[in-house]
Amino acid sequence: MNRTKIVLTLAIVTLLLFVCVFLYGKYIGKNSAKLEQPIVTSQTILDKITDQYFLVTKTIFANSKAEIETPKSNNWTDLFTGKKITVSGLIRIDVGVDIKNLNAENIIVDTRNKLVTINLPAAEMLDSSLSGEIEVNVDKSIVEKLKGLLNDTRNDDYNLALQTLIDTAKTQVLTEAEIFTQARTDSIKLVELIVKNTLTDYQVIVK
């Protein structure tokens, strides 16, 4: 009888110890999970976006034509003193959102309601370059000599012609508001994806 009581008592004590250890472990685990949760701030979100963001651009090819009114070098002057030279070329322009213009002040974190609001910068022209060669609309008898001048990228006249064509193309692209809207929309989708994958329990609004 006494032996039975002893065994029963040991069984009850063992069970109680097991329950206590289980509850204590659960308590510790819960608190550890809380401690391990990353602190959500505007800066941590900005760092995550900066680390994972890759440039999304819309590329436009613009046929650009312009007049060069004041040739600089002696070669130009000898051939075309007092004349205007018409040049043309295919200019590539990339439009997108430069994430370097995003800062912590553009990110609002509401930890109570688990909401992140991001104000993304506007899309802009990021890069421009000549695709192909510069063409010159002049008398055929001198076009080959003139092309030789414009194929020398170290020549001041080449740089003048190229910059004039790029400026003309940029002016054309600025009138196409839809291009900038589309580029910004693509960037918004990417930023939303980055932040949502990081903060799965937060609502993310990018605008």
Protein backbone atom coordinates (compact mmCIF):
# COMPACT_ATOMS: atom_id res chain seq x y z
CA MET A 1 0.00 0.00 0.00
CA ASN A 2 2.75 2.40 1.04
CA ARG A 3 4.71 1.42 -2.04
CA THR A 4 1.74 2.20 -4.25
CA LYS A 5 1.38 5.63 -2.64
CA ILE A 6 5.05 6.35 -3.17
CA VAL A 7 4.88 5.39 -6.85
CA LEU A 8 1.73 7.46 -7.31
CA THR A 9 3.29 10.43 -5.56
CA LEU A 10 6.40 10.21 -7.73
CA ALA A 11 4.26 10.01 -10.85
CA ILE A 12 2.30 13.13 -9.83
CA VAL A 13 5.48 15.04 -8.98
CA THR A 14 7.05 14.01 -12.30
CA LEU A 15 3.95 15.13 -14.18
CA LEU A 16 3.92 18.48 -12.37
CA LEU A 17 7.59 18.98 -13.12
CA PHE A 18 6.99 18.18 -16.78
CA VAL A 19 4.11 20.66 -16.96
CA CYS A 20 6.18 23.36 -15.22
CA VAL A 21 9.14 22.80 -17.52
CA PHE A 22 6.85 22.86 -20.56
CA LEU A 23 5.15 26.10 -19.52
CA TYR A 24 8.44 27.72 -18.60
CA GLY A 25 9.97 26.73 -21.93
CA LYS A 26 6.97 28.11 -23.78
CA TYR A 27 7.24 31.36 -21.82
CA ILE A 28 10.94 31.68 -22.55
CA GLY A 29 10.40 30.89 -26.22
CA LYS A 30 7.67 33.48 -26.53
CA ASN A 31 9.80 36.18 -24.95
CA SER A 32 12.81 35.19 -27.05
CA ALA A 33 10.71 35.50 -30.18
CA LYS A 34 9.69 38.97 -29.13
CA LEU A 35 13.29 39.92 -28.50
CA GLU A 36 14.37 38.54 -31.88
CA GLN A 37 11.80 40.52 -33.83
CA PRO A 38 13.62 43.24 -35.78
CA ILE A 39 12.92 46.85 -34.85
CA VAL A 40 11.01 48.41 -37.72
CA THR A 41 12.14 51.96 -38.47
CA SER A 42 12.25 54.16 -41.53
CA GLN A 43 16.01 53.67 -41.75
CA THR A 44 15.88 49.85 -41.58
CA ILE A 45 13.30 49.82 -44.37
CA LEU A 46 15.37 52.26 -46.43
CA ASP A 47 18.46 50.07 -45.98
CA LYS A 48 16.53 46.99 -47.12
CA ILE A 49 15.21 48.78 -50.21
CA THR A 50 18.65 50.13 -51.05
CA ASP A 51 20.23 46.66 -50.72
CA GLN A 52 17.68 44.86 -52.92
CA TYR A 53 16.51 47.51 -55.39
CA PHE A 54 17.68 47.20 -58.96
CA LEU A 55 17.11 49.94 -61.49
CA VAL A 56 13.90 49.59 -63.51
CA THR A 57 13.93 51.79 -66.59
CA LYS A 58 11.96 52.60 -69.68
CA THR A 59 14.23 52.98 -72.69
CA ILE A 60 13.30 55.40 -75.46
CA PHE A 61 15.02 55.81 -78.82
CA ALA A 62 14.47 59.27 -80.26
CA ASN A 63 15.39 60.38 -83.77
CA SER A 64 17.00 63.72 -83.06
CA LYS A 65 17.85 66.47 -85.52
CA ALA A 66 19.42 69.81 -84.73
CA GLU A 67 21.39 72.70 -86.16
CA ILE A 68 24.87 73.64 -85.02
CA GLU A 69 25.09 77.37 -85.39
CA THR A 70 28.64 78.09 -84.24
CA PRO A 71 31.29 75.55 -85.25
CA LYS A 72 34.39 75.87 -83.08
CA SER A 73 37.39 74.26 -84.76
CA ASN A 74 39.40 75.60 -87.68
CA ASN A 75 38.33 72.65 -89.82
CA TRP A 76 34.71 73.60 -89.44
CA THR A 77 35.42 77.26 -89.96
CA ASP A 78 37.31 76.65 -93.20
CA LEU A 79 34.45 74.63 -94.65
CA PHE A 80 31.40 76.38 -93.27
CA THR A 81 32.23 79.92 -92.20
CA GLY A 82 28.96 81.66 -91.36
CA LYS A 83 26.83 78.60 -92.17
CA LYS A 84 24.53 76.35 -90.11
CA ILE A 85 25.15 72.61 -90.04
CA THR A 86 22.24 70.17 -89.67
CA VAL A 87 23.07 66.97 -87.78
CA SER A 88 20.90 64.00 -86.87
CA GLY A 89 21.22 60.80 -84.87
CA LEU A 90 19.40 58.13 -82.87
CA ILE A 91 19.55 58.97 -79.17
CA ARG A 92 18.87 56.43 -76.43
CA ILE A 93 17.36 57.77 -73.20
CA ASP A 94 16.70 55.71 -70.04
CA VAL A 95 13.90 56.85 -67.72
CA GLY A 96 13.43 55.52 -64.20
CA VAL A 97 13.39 56.20 -60.45
CA ASP A 98 16.81 56.77 -58.90
CA ILE A 99 16.54 55.17 -55.46
CA LYS A 100 19.38 57.41 -54.25
CA ASN A 101 16.77 60.17 -54.06
CA LEU A 102 14.75 58.16 -51.51
CA ASN A 103 15.52 58.98 -47.87
CA ALA A 104 14.20 57.99 -44.45
CA GLU A 105 11.92 61.05 -44.34
CA ASN A 106 10.00 59.57 -47.30
CA ILE A 107 9.12 56.47 -45.24
CA ILE A 108 6.45 56.57 -42.53
CA VAL A 109 6.18 53.61 -40.12
CA ASP A 110 3.04 53.08 -38.03
CA THR A 111 3.98 50.19 -35.72
CA ARG A 112 0.66 50.27 -33.85
CA ASN A 113 -1.40 49.69 -36.98
CA LYS A 114 1.41 47.80 -38.74
CA LEU A 115 1.42 50.13 -41.72
CA VAL A 116 4.32 51.39 -43.84
CA THR A 117 3.80 54.30 -46.24
CA ILE A 118 6.52 55.15 -48.76
CA ASN A 119 6.58 58.28 -50.92
CA LEU A 120 8.68 57.30 -53.92
CA PRO A 121 10.59 60.01 -55.85
CA ALA A 122 9.47 60.97 -59.34
CA ALA A 123 10.86 59.21 -62.40
CA GLU A 124 13.53 61.09 -64.31
CA MET A 125 15.89 60.78 -67.24
CA LEU A 126 18.83 58.78 -65.90
CA ASP A 127 21.11 58.32 -68.88
CA SER A 128 21.41 59.33 -72.52
CA SER A 129 23.73 58.22 -75.30
CA LEU A 130 24.14 58.09 -79.05
CA SER A 131 23.04 54.87 -80.73
CA GLY A 132 24.98 54.55 -83.98
CA GLU A 133 26.68 57.49 -85.66
CA ILE A 134 25.97 61.16 -86.16
CA GLU A 135 24.71 61.94 -89.64
CA VAL A 136 25.39 65.28 -91.36
CA ASN A 137 23.08 66.83 -93.94
CA VAL A 138 25.48 68.69 -96.24
CA ASP A 139 26.75 68.72 -99.79
CA LYS A 140 27.84 65.22 -100.84
CA SER A 141 31.18 66.47 -102.10
CA ILE A 142 32.35 67.26 -98.58
CA VAL A 143 30.27 64.87 -96.49
CA GLU A 144 33.08 62.31 -96.15
CA LYS A 145 35.52 64.85 -94.78
CA LEU A 146 32.89 66.15 -92.42
CA LYS A 147 32.04 62.65 -91.18
CA GLY A 148 35.70 62.18 -90.41
CA LEU A 149 35.50 65.14 -88.07
CA LEU A 150 32.39 63.85 -86.36
CA ASN A 151 33.80 60.36 -85.85
CA ASP A 152 36.58 61.77 -83.67
CA THR A 153 35.07 61.81 -80.17
CA ARG A 154 37.92 64.00 -78.94
CA ASN A 155 36.96 66.73 -81.36
CA ASP A 156 35.14 69.75 -79.89
CA ASP A 157 32.78 69.82 -82.86
CA TYR A 158 31.79 66.20 -82.29
CA ASN A 159 31.00 66.93 -78.66
CA LEU A 160 29.02 70.01 -79.66
CA ALA A 161 26.98 68.03 -82.19
CA LEU A 162 26.37 65.16 -79.77
CA GLN A 163 25.30 67.39 -76.89
CA THR A 164 22.97 69.33 -79.17
CA LEU A 165 21.30 66.11 -80.36
CA ILE A 166 20.96 64.80 -76.79
CA ASP A 167 19.43 68.06 -75.57
CA THR A 168 16.95 68.01 -78.45
CA ALA A 169 16.00 64.39 -77.72
CA LYS A 170 15.54 65.12 -74.02
CA THR A 171 13.17 67.95 -74.86
CA GLN A 172 11.13 65.52 -76.98
CA VAL A 173 11.00 62.90 -74.22
CA LEU A 174 9.90 65.43 -71.59
CA THR A 175 6.65 65.89 -73.52
CA GLU A 176 5.84 62.17 -73.12
CA ALA A 177 4.43 62.15 -69.57
CA GLU A 178 3.19 58.55 -69.91
CA ILE A 179 6.77 57.27 -70.15
CA PHE A 180 7.61 58.73 -66.75
CA THR A 181 4.35 57.44 -65.26
CA GLN A 182 5.03 53.88 -66.46
CA ALA A 183 8.62 53.94 -65.20
CA ARG A 184 7.47 55.08 -61.75
CA THR A 185 4.69 52.46 -61.66
CA ASP A 186 7.23 49.69 -62.32
CA SER A 187 9.45 50.98 -59.50
CA ILE A 188 6.48 51.13 -57.11
CA LYS A 189 5.73 47.45 -57.76
CA LEU A 190 9.34 46.48 -57.06
CA VAL A 191 9.56 48.49 -53.81
CA GLU A 192 6.24 47.01 -52.61
CA LEU A 193 7.58 43.50 -53.25
CA ILE A 194 10.82 44.18 -51.37
CA VAL A 195 9.13 45.62 -48.28
CA LYS A 196 6.30 43.07 -48.17
CA ASN A 197 8.80 40.21 -48.28
CA THR A 198 10.63 41.80 -45.36
CA LEU A 199 7.61 42.81 -43.23
CA THR A 200 5.10 40.06 -43.90
CA ASP A 201 2.72 41.23 -41.18
CA TYR A 202 2.66 44.86 -42.31
CA GLN A 203 0.47 46.60 -44.85
CA VAL A 204 2.64 48.44 -47.36
CA ILE A 205 1.52 51.50 -49.35
CA VAL A 206 3.88 52.97 -51.95
CA LYS A 207 2.80 56.15 -53.67
